[in-house]
Amino acid sequence: MEHNVSLNVVTDKYDQGISIVEEIVKRFDDFEGEVNGINVVESKITNISEYFIEDAYVQTITINIKTN
């Protein structure tokens, strides 16, 4: 099965948001393994976008996850 997951990181400090995004990328890009009994065959970051709205920085990360 293939799943697309989008995560929004919302912060009031740009650098803080970027640090969180970097951690997410480190943990999820090219990940393979078992998570809570689910076998993840492949995990890839497919998109990262960012914008500023209502005094907040928003980074959106899309992850494609393949399971079997």
Protein backbone atom coordinates (compact mmCIF):
# COMPACT_ATOMS: atom_id res chain seq x y z
CA MET A 1 0.00 0.00 0.00
CA GLU A 2 1.06 3.55 -0.62
CA HIS A 3 0.20 6.48 1.65
CA ASN A 4 0.86 10.21 1.39
CA VAL A 5 1.13 12.07 4.68
CA SER A 6 1.35 15.85 5.03
CA LEU A 7 2.73 17.49 8.16
CA ASN A 8 2.49 21.18 9.00
CA VAL A 9 5.15 22.72 11.22
CA VAL A 10 3.87 26.04 12.60
CA THR A 11 6.20 28.32 14.58
CA ASP A 12 6.64 31.98 15.36
CA LYS A 13 10.40 31.77 14.72
CA TYR A 14 11.62 30.80 11.26
CA ASP A 15 14.83 29.12 12.49
CA GLN A 16 12.87 26.97 14.93
CA GLY A 17 10.61 25.71 12.14
CA ILE A 18 13.57 24.91 9.92
CA SER A 19 15.23 22.93 12.73
CA ILE A 20 12.07 20.85 13.22
CA VAL A 21 11.77 20.24 9.46
CA GLU A 22 15.41 19.11 9.31
CA GLU A 23 14.74 16.56 12.10
CA ILE A 24 11.68 15.23 10.30
CA VAL A 25 13.65 14.85 7.06
CA LYS A 26 16.47 13.04 8.89
CA ARG A 27 14.05 10.57 10.44
CA PHE A 28 11.67 9.93 7.55
CA ASP A 29 13.57 10.34 4.25
CA ASP A 30 14.77 6.91 3.06
CA PHE A 31 13.36 5.20 6.19
CA GLU A 32 12.75 1.45 6.14
CA GLY A 33 11.69 -0.62 9.13
CA GLU A 34 8.87 -1.53 11.45
CA VAL A 35 6.77 1.02 13.31
CA ASN A 36 4.17 -0.25 15.80
CA GLY A 37 3.83 -3.51 13.89
CA ILE A 38 3.59 -1.84 10.47
CA ASN A 39 6.31 -2.79 7.99
CA VAL A 40 7.49 0.36 6.18
CA VAL A 41 9.10 -0.68 2.90
CA GLU A 42 10.06 2.82 1.81
CA SER A 43 9.57 6.37 3.01
CA LYS A 44 10.45 9.41 0.87
CA ILE A 45 10.02 13.15 1.31
CA THR A 46 8.20 14.22 -1.85
CA ASN A 47 7.64 17.92 -1.17
CA ILE A 48 8.51 20.71 1.25
CA SER A 49 6.89 24.13 1.00
CA GLU A 50 6.72 27.13 3.29
CA TYR A 51 4.79 30.31 3.76
CA PHE A 52 4.13 33.06 6.31
CA ILE A 53 0.56 33.71 7.45
CA GLU A 54 -0.97 35.50 10.44
CA ASP A 55 2.41 36.05 12.17
CA ALA A 56 3.40 32.38 11.84
CA TYR A 57 5.86 30.47 9.69
CA VAL A 58 4.39 27.31 8.20
CA GLN A 59 6.46 24.56 6.61
CA THR A 60 4.50 21.72 4.99
CA ILE A 61 6.23 18.39 4.42
CA THR A 62 4.73 15.62 2.28
CA ILE A 63 5.97 12.09 2.85
CA ASN A 64 5.22 9.11 0.61
CA ILE A 65 5.16 5.91 2.69
CA LYS A 66 4.98 2.40 1.20
CA THR A 67 3.91 -0.48 3.43
CA ASN A 68 3.18 -4.13 2.91
